[in-house]
Amino acid sequence: MGIEVKIPDIGDFADIPIIEIFVKEGDTIGPDDPLVSLESDKATMDVPSPQAGVVEKILIKIGDKVSEGAPILLLKGEGAAASAPAAADTAAVAAKQEPAPAAAPSPAPAAPASQAPVSSAPDFSNVHASPAVRRIAREMGVDLNAVKGTGEKGRITKDDVKGQLTRSAGPAAAGGGAVMASGGMGIPEIPAVDFSKFGPIETKPMARIKKISGPHLHRSWLNVPLVTHTDESDITDTDKYRKELDAIGKEKGYRVTLLAFLIKAAVSALRQHPEFNSSLSPEKDALILKKYYNIGVAVDTPDGLVVPVIKDADRKGIIEISQDLGAISKKARDGKLGAGDMQGATFSISSLGGIGGTNFTPLVNAPEVAILGVPRSKMTPVWDGTEFKPRLILPLNVSYDHRVIDGALGARFTRHLAHVLEDLRRLVV
């Protein structure tokens, strides 16, 4: 009898519906080939094969809900019986998740209870379409089996799904009736344009990270009343100290960047203003105040932006945070972040100092209620009462959810950040 391949460790998720099955009985597969795709309200995940072999029997079907340890198929292969226990324990989920908890896109900001029962999910197993297109089709009620693909090698595109929806709706949709494609919360979609009429084009698939994080960012933009407060911090003395620590760190194999100081300053400000370290309750009538300080850090990777989390930042010093940043940034760039590495943030920081810019508006990573955006610092002449002196000035941009935080509190929080960064002695009081 072959290996019983099971759902591996998928973090805090449970009872996740299966939206795709990539293999069929009799298929020959290799190590890490995708077997099934899961979709929760926070992530889309592919479960890879733990080893090479032949699919003997599939134990699940589309629409089934599974949790860690649930069997999904039997796999025949050399040494299968001997490796079965290890395979069940070591299989990893190939998941590319959004910078903070994310929900699958939906035409309206519906709670999980309002979604259609997963047992009625259509079977698109023989359809040539990406997971994102399949998801859109399910949400719009379009049967992909009846759609003719116009993409490369007959692949069904997002525009094909919209075209099918328009044809099914008939004149009523064209006349502004109730049936129409929507971009969410009743907002009409941007009309499709055939750009090839105007010149040569190339269609390049989006990276999986962007496919998944995009709907989450869209949802946050639609649901969070966003305000951004800007301030400046004179970090001349702080950066001098940072360079001293960095010189020592380089000899020991790690770097000390300004981001480590920003994390410590953020913890100080969060403690002083706990509303920033909270989330709205599901009923939107109370705040859930968190007594822990986990800071999400946006990391630029070849496949897109990911947001790993520095856990318990309040219990760590600059050196330990710097070492954690180096390790987790490498995992992010190598595509080896696990689900647990990107969960549990209470506040996020997006630093573009290594690239440039003067100011920007970062989007709140809901269900967090605030985020710090940091562009590049610059030397600026500052009047000290008698003369102008060159000082290193860092712009700070704090975006926040105006339902939780008002303008005065936003200004106090940002000023506290600036104040602490200017004199690191304030971090220990």
Protein backbone atom coordinates (compact mmCIF):
# COMPACT_ATOMS: atom_id res chain seq x y z
CA MET A 1 0.00 0.00 0.00
CA GLY A 2 1.29 3.48 -0.86
CA ILE A 3 1.94 6.58 1.19
CA GLU A 4 -1.08 8.28 2.67
CA VAL A 5 -0.28 11.93 1.88
CA LYS A 6 -1.83 14.29 4.41
CA ILE A 7 -2.39 18.01 4.80
CA PRO A 8 0.81 19.35 6.45
CA ASP A 9 1.18 22.10 9.03
CA ILE A 10 -0.78 25.09 7.69
CA GLY A 11 -0.54 27.41 10.65
CA ASP A 12 -3.72 28.40 12.45
CA PHE A 13 -6.02 27.48 9.58
CA ALA A 14 -8.67 24.75 9.88
CA ASP A 15 -11.59 23.43 7.84
CA ILE A 16 -10.24 24.96 4.62
CA PRO A 17 -12.12 24.17 1.40
CA ILE A 18 -10.31 22.43 -1.44
CA ILE A 19 -10.73 24.57 -4.56
CA GLU A 20 -8.54 22.62 -7.01
CA ILE A 21 -7.14 19.13 -7.47
CA PHE A 22 -4.12 19.19 -9.78
CA VAL A 23 -3.65 15.45 -10.23
CA LYS A 24 -5.74 12.41 -11.10
CA GLU A 25 -5.38 8.72 -10.35
CA GLY A 26 -2.60 7.16 -12.38
CA ASP A 27 -0.60 10.39 -12.75
CA THR A 28 3.18 10.22 -12.29
CA ILE A 29 4.40 13.13 -10.18
CA GLY A 30 7.70 14.43 -8.86
CA PRO A 31 8.77 15.87 -5.50
CA ASP A 32 7.10 19.21 -4.69
CA ASP A 33 4.61 18.92 -7.57
CA PRO A 34 1.35 20.62 -6.47
CA LEU A 35 -1.38 18.18 -5.48
CA VAL A 36 -4.28 20.34 -4.33
CA SER A 37 -5.02 24.01 -3.73
CA LEU A 38 -6.70 25.28 -0.55
CA GLU A 39 -8.37 28.63 -0.08
CA SER A 40 -9.22 30.09 3.33
CA ASP A 41 -10.44 33.60 4.07
CA LYS A 42 -6.80 34.56 4.66
CA ALA A 43 -4.69 32.77 2.07
CA THR A 44 -4.51 30.53 -0.97
CA MET A 45 -2.15 27.57 -0.53
CA ASP A 46 -0.88 24.74 -2.67
CA VAL A 47 0.00 21.41 -1.03
CA PRO A 48 3.06 19.83 -2.72
CA SER A 49 3.93 16.16 -3.05
CA PRO A 50 6.42 14.93 -0.44
CA GLN A 51 8.16 12.67 -3.00
CA ALA A 52 7.99 11.23 -6.51
CA GLY A 53 5.52 8.47 -7.26
CA VAL A 54 2.26 7.49 -8.92
CA VAL A 55 -1.13 8.67 -7.64
CA GLU A 56 -2.89 5.49 -6.55
CA LYS A 57 -6.12 6.90 -5.13
CA ILE A 58 -7.53 10.38 -4.49
CA LEU A 59 -9.30 10.58 -1.12
CA ILE A 60 -10.89 14.03 -1.38
CA LYS A 61 -12.99 16.04 -3.80
CA ILE A 62 -13.40 19.71 -4.66
CA GLY A 63 -15.39 21.46 -1.94
CA ASP A 64 -14.24 19.19 0.89
CA LYS A 65 -13.05 20.99 4.03
CA VAL A 66 -9.71 19.82 5.41
CA SER A 67 -7.39 20.58 8.31
CA GLU A 68 -3.84 19.59 9.24
CA GLY A 69 -3.44 15.80 9.13
CA ALA A 70 -6.38 15.12 6.81
CA PRO A 71 -5.50 12.45 4.17
CA ILE A 72 -5.75 13.66 0.57
CA LEU A 73 -4.40 10.81 -1.56
CA LEU A 74 -2.42 7.57 -1.70
CA LEU A 75 0.93 7.71 -3.47
CA LYS A 76 2.82 4.69 -4.83
CA GLY A 77 6.58 4.93 -5.10
CA GLU A 78 9.87 3.19 -4.27
CA GLY A 79 10.34 3.02 -0.52
CA ALA A 80 6.84 4.42 0.00
CA ALA A 81 6.02 2.33 3.03
CA ALA A 82 9.25 3.18 4.78
CA SER A 83 8.95 6.91 4.18
CA ALA A 84 5.27 7.29 4.93
CA PRO A 85 5.59 8.56 8.54
CA ALA A 86 8.28 11.09 7.58
CA ALA A 87 6.31 12.31 4.59
CA ALA A 88 3.28 13.07 6.69
CA ASP A 89 5.37 15.09 9.11
CA THR A 90 7.63 16.97 6.74
CA ALA A 91 5.41 17.93 3.83
CA ALA A 92 5.42 21.72 3.48
CA VAL A 93 2.74 23.99 2.17
CA ALA A 94 3.87 26.03 -0.85
CA ALA A 95 1.99 29.14 0.25
CA LYS A 96 2.57 32.71 -0.96
CA GLN A 97 0.49 34.78 1.43
CA GLU A 98 -0.35 38.57 1.77
CA PRO A 99 1.89 41.15 4.40
CA ALA A 100 -0.48 40.60 7.02
CA PRO A 101 -3.87 38.39 7.31
CA ALA A 102 -5.78 38.56 4.00
CA ALA A 103 -9.15 37.58 2.71
CA ALA A 104 -10.04 36.10 -0.62
CA PRO A 105 -11.52 38.76 -2.91
CA SER A 106 -15.29 39.08 -2.97
CA PRO A 107 -17.75 41.40 -4.67
CA ALA A 108 -18.76 42.76 -1.28
CA PRO A 109 -17.11 42.90 2.18
CA ALA A 110 -18.96 39.79 3.32
CA ALA A 111 -18.22 37.79 6.43
CA PRO A 112 -17.46 34.09 6.00
CA ALA A 113 -21.05 33.22 6.93
CA SER A 114 -22.32 35.01 3.84
CA GLN A 115 -20.27 32.96 1.43
CA ALA A 116 -21.83 30.23 -0.66
CA PRO A 117 -21.48 26.71 0.78
CA VAL A 118 -18.23 25.20 -0.38
CA SER A 119 -19.92 21.90 -1.12
CA SER A 120 -21.49 23.51 -4.18
CA ALA A 121 -18.13 24.55 -5.66
CA PRO A 122 -18.04 23.81 -9.41
CA ASP A 123 -15.51 21.32 -10.76
CA PHE A 124 -12.95 23.18 -12.88
CA SER A 125 -10.34 20.40 -12.77
CA ASN A 126 -10.20 20.02 -16.56
CA VAL A 127 -10.17 23.76 -17.30
CA HIS A 128 -7.06 25.61 -18.52
CA ALA A 129 -7.13 28.67 -16.21
CA SER A 130 -5.09 30.15 -13.37
CA PRO A 131 -6.23 29.90 -9.72
CA ALA A 132 -7.08 33.62 -9.75
CA VAL A 133 -9.35 33.24 -12.78
CA ARG A 134 -11.01 30.17 -11.26
CA ARG A 135 -11.70 32.12 -8.08
CA ILE A 136 -13.23 35.02 -10.01
CA ALA A 137 -15.42 32.58 -11.94
CA ARG A 138 -16.72 31.02 -8.73
CA GLU A 139 -17.53 34.42 -7.26
CA MET A 140 -19.33 35.59 -10.41
CA GLY A 141 -21.17 32.31 -10.88
CA VAL A 142 -19.55 31.61 -14.27
CA ASP A 143 -19.08 27.99 -15.40
CA LEU A 144 -15.57 27.87 -16.83
CA ASN A 145 -16.41 24.65 -18.64
CA ALA A 146 -18.58 26.76 -20.96
CA VAL A 147 -15.99 29.52 -21.54
CA LYS A 148 -13.68 29.56 -24.56
CA GLY A 149 -10.20 30.77 -23.64
CA THR A 150 -8.52 33.48 -25.70
CA GLY A 151 -5.19 33.45 -23.88
CA GLU A 152 -1.99 31.67 -24.81
CA LYS A 153 -2.64 28.00 -25.71
CA GLY A 154 -6.35 28.49 -25.07
CA ARG A 155 -5.93 29.64 -21.47
CA ILE A 156 -9.02 31.31 -20.02
CA THR A 157 -8.35 34.88 -18.92
CA LYS A 158 -10.13 37.26 -16.57
CA ASP A 159 -11.54 39.11 -19.59
CA ASP A 160 -12.96 35.83 -20.93
CA VAL A 161 -14.86 35.35 -17.67
CA LYS A 162 -16.20 38.90 -17.77
CA GLY A 163 -17.21 38.47 -21.40
CA GLN A 164 -19.10 35.29 -20.54
CA LEU A 165 -20.85 37.08 -17.70
CA THR A 166 -21.87 39.93 -20.00
CA ARG A 167 -23.20 37.54 -22.64
CA SER A 168 -25.16 35.60 -20.01
CA ALA A 169 -26.65 38.79 -18.59
CA GLY A 170 -27.87 39.92 -22.02
CA PRO A 171 -29.38 43.35 -22.76
CA ALA A 172 -30.31 43.92 -19.12
CA ALA A 173 -26.67 44.19 -18.11
CA ALA A 174 -25.82 46.48 -20.99
CA GLY A 175 -28.67 48.74 -19.99
CA GLY A 176 -27.40 49.09 -16.43
CA GLY A 177 -29.52 46.32 -14.91
CA ALA A 178 -28.81 44.48 -11.71
CA VAL A 179 -26.48 41.91 -13.29
CA MET A 180 -23.09 43.47 -13.94
CA ALA A 181 -19.47 42.81 -13.18
CA SER A 182 -18.37 44.59 -10.04
CA GLY A 183 -15.00 45.45 -8.59
CA GLY A 184 -16.28 45.13 -5.03
CA MET A 185 -18.75 46.99 -2.79
CA GLY A 186 -20.94 47.77 -5.81
CA ILE A 187 -18.14 49.60 -7.66
CA PRO A 188 -18.30 48.89 -11.42
CA GLU A 189 -15.25 47.25 -12.97
CA ILE A 190 -13.01 49.22 -15.32
CA PRO A 191 -14.08 48.31 -18.88
CA ALA A 192 -11.81 45.90 -20.73
CA VAL A 193 -9.75 47.47 -23.53
CA ASP A 194 -8.17 45.70 -26.50
CA PHE A 195 -4.76 47.42 -26.32
CA SER A 196 -3.46 45.44 -29.30
CA LYS A 197 -5.45 47.77 -31.54
CA PHE A 198 -3.01 50.57 -30.72
CA GLY A 199 0.30 48.74 -30.94
CA PRO A 200 2.31 45.67 -29.92
CA ILE A 201 1.59 44.25 -26.47
CA GLU A 202 2.82 41.47 -24.22
CA THR A 203 0.77 39.75 -21.53
CA LYS A 204 2.92 38.88 -18.52
CA PRO A 205 1.35 36.85 -15.69
CA MET A 206 1.46 38.51 -12.29
CA ALA A 207 3.55 36.91 -9.57
CA ARG A 208 1.52 34.72 -7.23
CA ILE A 209 2.28 36.99 -4.27
CA LYS A 210 0.76 39.96 -6.09
CA LYS A 211 -2.28 37.94 -7.15
CA ILE A 212 -3.02 37.11 -3.54
CA SER A 213 -2.00 40.37 -1.85
CA GLY A 214 -3.78 42.56 -4.44
CA PRO A 215 -7.33 41.67 -3.35
CA HIS A 216 -6.33 42.12 0.30
CA LEU A 217 -4.97 45.61 -0.40
CA HIS A 218 -8.09 46.43 -2.41
CA ARG A 219 -10.30 45.31 0.46
CA SER A 220 -8.31 47.41 2.94
CA TRP A 221 -8.54 50.46 0.67
CA LEU A 222 -12.31 50.07 0.35
CA ASN A 223 -13.01 49.35 4.02
CA VAL A 224 -10.51 51.45 5.98
CA PRO A 225 -11.07 55.25 6.16
CA LEU A 226 -7.41 56.11 5.73
CA VAL A 227 -5.55 59.17 7.05
CA THR A 228 -1.79 59.71 6.75
CA HIS A 229 0.06 62.00 9.17
CA THR A 230 3.61 63.11 8.33
CA ASP A 231 6.40 64.37 10.57
CA GLU A 232 10.20 64.53 10.62
CA SER A 233 12.87 63.27 12.98
CA ASP A 234 16.45 64.53 13.35
CA ILE A 235 18.34 61.23 13.42
CA THR A 236 21.86 62.66 13.11
CA ASP A 237 23.08 61.30 16.45
CA THR A 238 21.12 58.05 16.13
CA ASP A 239 22.62 57.28 12.74
CA LYS A 240 26.11 57.93 14.06
CA TYR A 241 25.51 55.33 16.78
CA ARG A 242 23.94 52.96 14.21
CA LYS A 243 27.09 53.12 12.08
CA GLU A 244 29.22 52.18 15.09
CA LEU A 245 27.03 49.12 15.77
CA ASP A 246 26.98 48.22 12.08
CA ALA A 247 30.78 48.23 11.88
CA ILE A 248 30.90 45.75 14.76
CA GLY A 249 28.04 43.70 13.27
CA LYS A 250 29.71 43.31 9.88
CA GLU A 251 32.66 41.57 11.55
CA LYS A 252 30.22 39.10 13.13
CA GLY A 253 28.15 38.45 10.00
CA TYR A 254 25.12 40.72 10.41
CA ARG A 255 24.17 44.30 9.57
CA VAL A 256 22.57 46.99 11.74
CA THR A 257 20.20 49.15 9.71
CA LEU A 258 17.92 51.99 10.73
CA LEU A 259 14.99 49.55 10.56
CA ALA A 260 16.02 47.97 13.87
CA PHE A 261 15.84 51.40 15.55
CA LEU A 262 12.47 52.07 13.90
CA ILE A 263 11.12 48.82 15.35
CA LYS A 264 12.24 49.74 18.87
CA ALA A 265 10.84 53.26 18.51
CA ALA A 266 7.54 51.84 17.23
CA VAL A 267 7.24 49.59 20.29
CA SER A 268 7.81 52.60 22.55
CA ALA A 269 5.08 54.55 20.73
CA LEU A 270 2.68 51.58 20.76
CA ARG A 271 3.09 51.23 24.52
CA GLN A 272 2.39 54.91 25.00
CA HIS A 273 -0.62 54.85 22.65
CA PRO A 274 -2.18 51.34 22.87
CA GLU A 275 -4.97 52.16 20.39
CA PHE A 276 -2.34 51.79 17.66
CA ASN A 277 -1.67 48.22 18.87
CA SER A 278 -5.30 47.15 18.54
CA SER A 279 -7.89 45.84 16.09
CA LEU A 280 -11.57 46.54 15.69
CA SER A 281 -13.87 43.81 16.99
CA PRO A 282 -15.94 41.98 14.33
CA GLU A 283 -19.00 43.95 15.44
CA LYS A 284 -17.04 47.23 15.05
CA ASP A 285 -18.19 48.37 18.50
CA ALA A 286 -15.06 47.64 20.58
CA LEU A 287 -11.27 47.60 20.39
CA ILE A 288 -9.21 44.44 20.90
CA LEU A 289 -6.09 45.76 22.67
CA LYS A 290 -3.08 43.48 22.22
CA LYS A 291 -0.60 43.04 25.04
CA TYR A 292 2.16 41.78 22.74
CA TYR A 293 4.27 43.63 20.17
CA ASN A 294 4.89 41.84 16.87
CA ILE A 295 6.12 44.13 14.11
CA GLY A 296 5.52 43.29 10.44
CA VAL A 297 8.33 44.38 8.12
CA ALA A 298 7.76 44.77 4.38
CA VAL A 299 10.49 42.95 2.41
CA ASP A 300 11.04 43.42 -1.31
CA THR A 301 11.60 40.08 -3.09
CA PRO A 302 11.93 39.13 -6.77
CA ASP A 303 8.34 37.83 -6.69
CA GLY A 304 6.83 40.83 -4.91
CA LEU A 305 6.36 42.31 -1.46
CA VAL A 306 6.00 40.05 1.59
CA VAL A 307 5.61 41.05 5.24
CA PRO A 308 7.38 38.72 7.69
CA VAL A 309 6.93 39.43 11.38
CA ILE A 310 9.50 40.17 14.11
CA LYS A 311 7.89 38.50 17.14
CA ASP A 312 8.10 39.92 20.68
CA ALA A 313 10.01 43.01 19.55
CA ASP A 314 9.53 44.55 23.00
CA ARG A 315 11.74 41.85 24.53
CA LYS A 316 14.65 42.27 22.11
CA GLY A 317 17.48 44.76 21.78
CA ILE A 318 18.85 46.41 18.64
CA ILE A 319 21.42 43.65 18.03
CA GLU A 320 18.95 40.77 18.36
CA ILE A 321 16.39 42.54 16.16
CA SER A 322 19.10 43.20 13.56
CA GLN A 323 20.02 39.51 13.52
CA ASP A 324 16.35 38.52 13.23
CA LEU A 325 15.88 40.97 10.36
CA GLY A 326 18.84 39.52 8.47
CA ALA A 327 17.63 35.95 8.89
CA ILE A 328 13.99 36.55 8.01
CA SER A 329 14.84 38.80 5.06
CA LYS A 330 17.01 36.03 3.60
CA LYS A 331 14.18 33.52 4.03
CA ALA A 332 11.84 35.95 2.27
CA ARG A 333 14.15 36.48 -0.70
CA ASP A 334 14.75 32.71 -0.99
CA GLY A 335 11.00 32.05 -0.95
CA LYS A 336 11.25 29.96 2.22
CA LEU A 337 8.92 31.87 4.55
CA GLY A 338 6.42 29.67 6.33
CA ALA A 339 2.86 30.56 7.27
CA GLY A 340 3.92 31.26 10.86
CA ASP A 341 6.56 33.75 9.71
CA MET A 342 3.89 36.09 8.34
CA GLN A 343 1.18 35.88 11.01
CA GLY A 344 0.44 37.76 14.20
CA ALA A 345 1.65 41.28 13.41
CA THR A 346 0.17 44.09 15.51
CA PHE A 347 1.79 46.97 13.58
CA SER A 348 3.74 47.17 10.32
CA ILE A 349 6.64 49.18 8.92
CA SER A 350 7.32 49.80 5.23
CA SER A 351 10.80 51.25 4.70
CA LEU A 352 11.79 52.56 1.27
CA GLY A 353 14.95 54.29 2.49
CA GLY A 354 17.16 52.06 0.42
CA ILE A 355 15.34 53.13 -2.75
CA GLY A 356 14.40 56.77 -2.26
CA GLY A 357 11.45 59.11 -2.11
CA THR A 358 10.40 61.97 0.14
CA ASN A 359 6.91 60.91 1.31
CA PHE A 360 4.31 58.24 0.54
CA THR A 361 1.02 56.87 1.87
CA PRO A 362 1.30 53.25 3.03
CA LEU A 363 -1.95 51.28 3.16
CA VAL A 364 -3.07 49.92 6.52
CA ASN A 365 -2.60 46.15 6.68
CA ALA A 366 -6.04 45.33 8.12
CA PRO A 367 -6.98 44.05 10.64
CA GLU A 368 -4.11 46.17 11.99
CA VAL A 369 -5.14 49.80 12.43
CA ALA A 370 -1.91 51.63 11.54
CA ILE A 371 1.33 51.39 9.57
CA LEU A 372 4.57 53.40 9.44
CA GLY A 373 6.04 54.35 6.07
CA VAL A 374 9.64 55.57 5.95
CA PRO A 375 11.28 57.06 2.80
CA ARG A 376 14.92 58.11 2.50
CA SER A 377 16.55 60.43 5.04
CA LYS A 378 18.48 63.44 3.76
CA MET A 379 20.96 66.03 4.99
CA THR A 380 19.18 69.33 5.55
CA PRO A 381 20.39 72.73 6.85
CA VAL A 382 18.69 73.31 10.21
CA TRP A 383 18.71 76.61 12.10
CA ASP A 384 19.86 76.14 15.71
CA GLY A 385 19.22 79.74 16.81
CA THR A 386 22.55 81.14 15.74
CA GLU A 387 23.49 79.34 12.52
CA PHE A 388 22.45 76.69 10.02
CA LYS A 389 23.93 73.24 10.61
CA PRO A 390 23.70 70.10 8.47
CA ARG A 391 21.40 67.55 10.10
CA LEU A 392 20.16 64.15 8.90
CA ILE A 393 16.36 64.38 8.72
CA LEU A 394 14.09 61.35 8.37
CA PRO A 395 10.48 61.79 7.10
CA LEU A 396 7.88 59.67 8.90
CA ASN A 397 4.49 58.77 7.38
CA VAL A 398 1.93 57.12 9.65
CA SER A 399 -1.31 55.91 8.04
CA TYR A 400 -4.14 54.93 10.36
CA ASP A 401 -7.76 53.80 10.48
CA HIS A 402 -9.77 56.91 11.30
CA ARG A 403 -12.52 54.81 12.92
CA VAL A 404 -10.04 53.94 15.69
CA ILE A 405 -7.60 56.83 15.71
CA ASP A 406 -8.41 60.53 15.42
CA GLY A 407 -6.12 63.23 14.05
CA ALA A 408 -4.83 64.42 17.42
CA LEU A 409 -3.88 60.89 18.51
CA GLY A 410 -2.26 60.26 15.14
CA ALA A 411 -0.13 63.38 15.52
CA ARG A 412 0.90 62.47 19.09
CA PHE A 413 1.91 58.95 18.07
CA THR A 414 4.01 60.20 15.15
CA ARG A 415 5.65 62.90 17.28
CA HIS A 416 6.49 60.28 19.91
CA LEU A 417 8.17 58.20 17.21
CA ALA A 418 10.18 61.19 16.01
CA HIS A 419 11.09 62.20 19.58
CA VAL A 420 12.40 58.73 20.52
CA LEU A 421 14.40 58.36 17.30
CA GLU A 422 16.14 61.67 18.01
CA ASP A 423 17.42 60.54 21.42
CA LEU A 424 17.76 56.79 22.00
CA ARG A 425 18.02 57.31 25.76
CA ARG A 426 14.23 57.71 25.72
CA LEU A 427 13.88 54.04 24.70
CA VAL A 428 14.94 52.93 28.18
CA VAL A 429 12.57 55.10 30.19
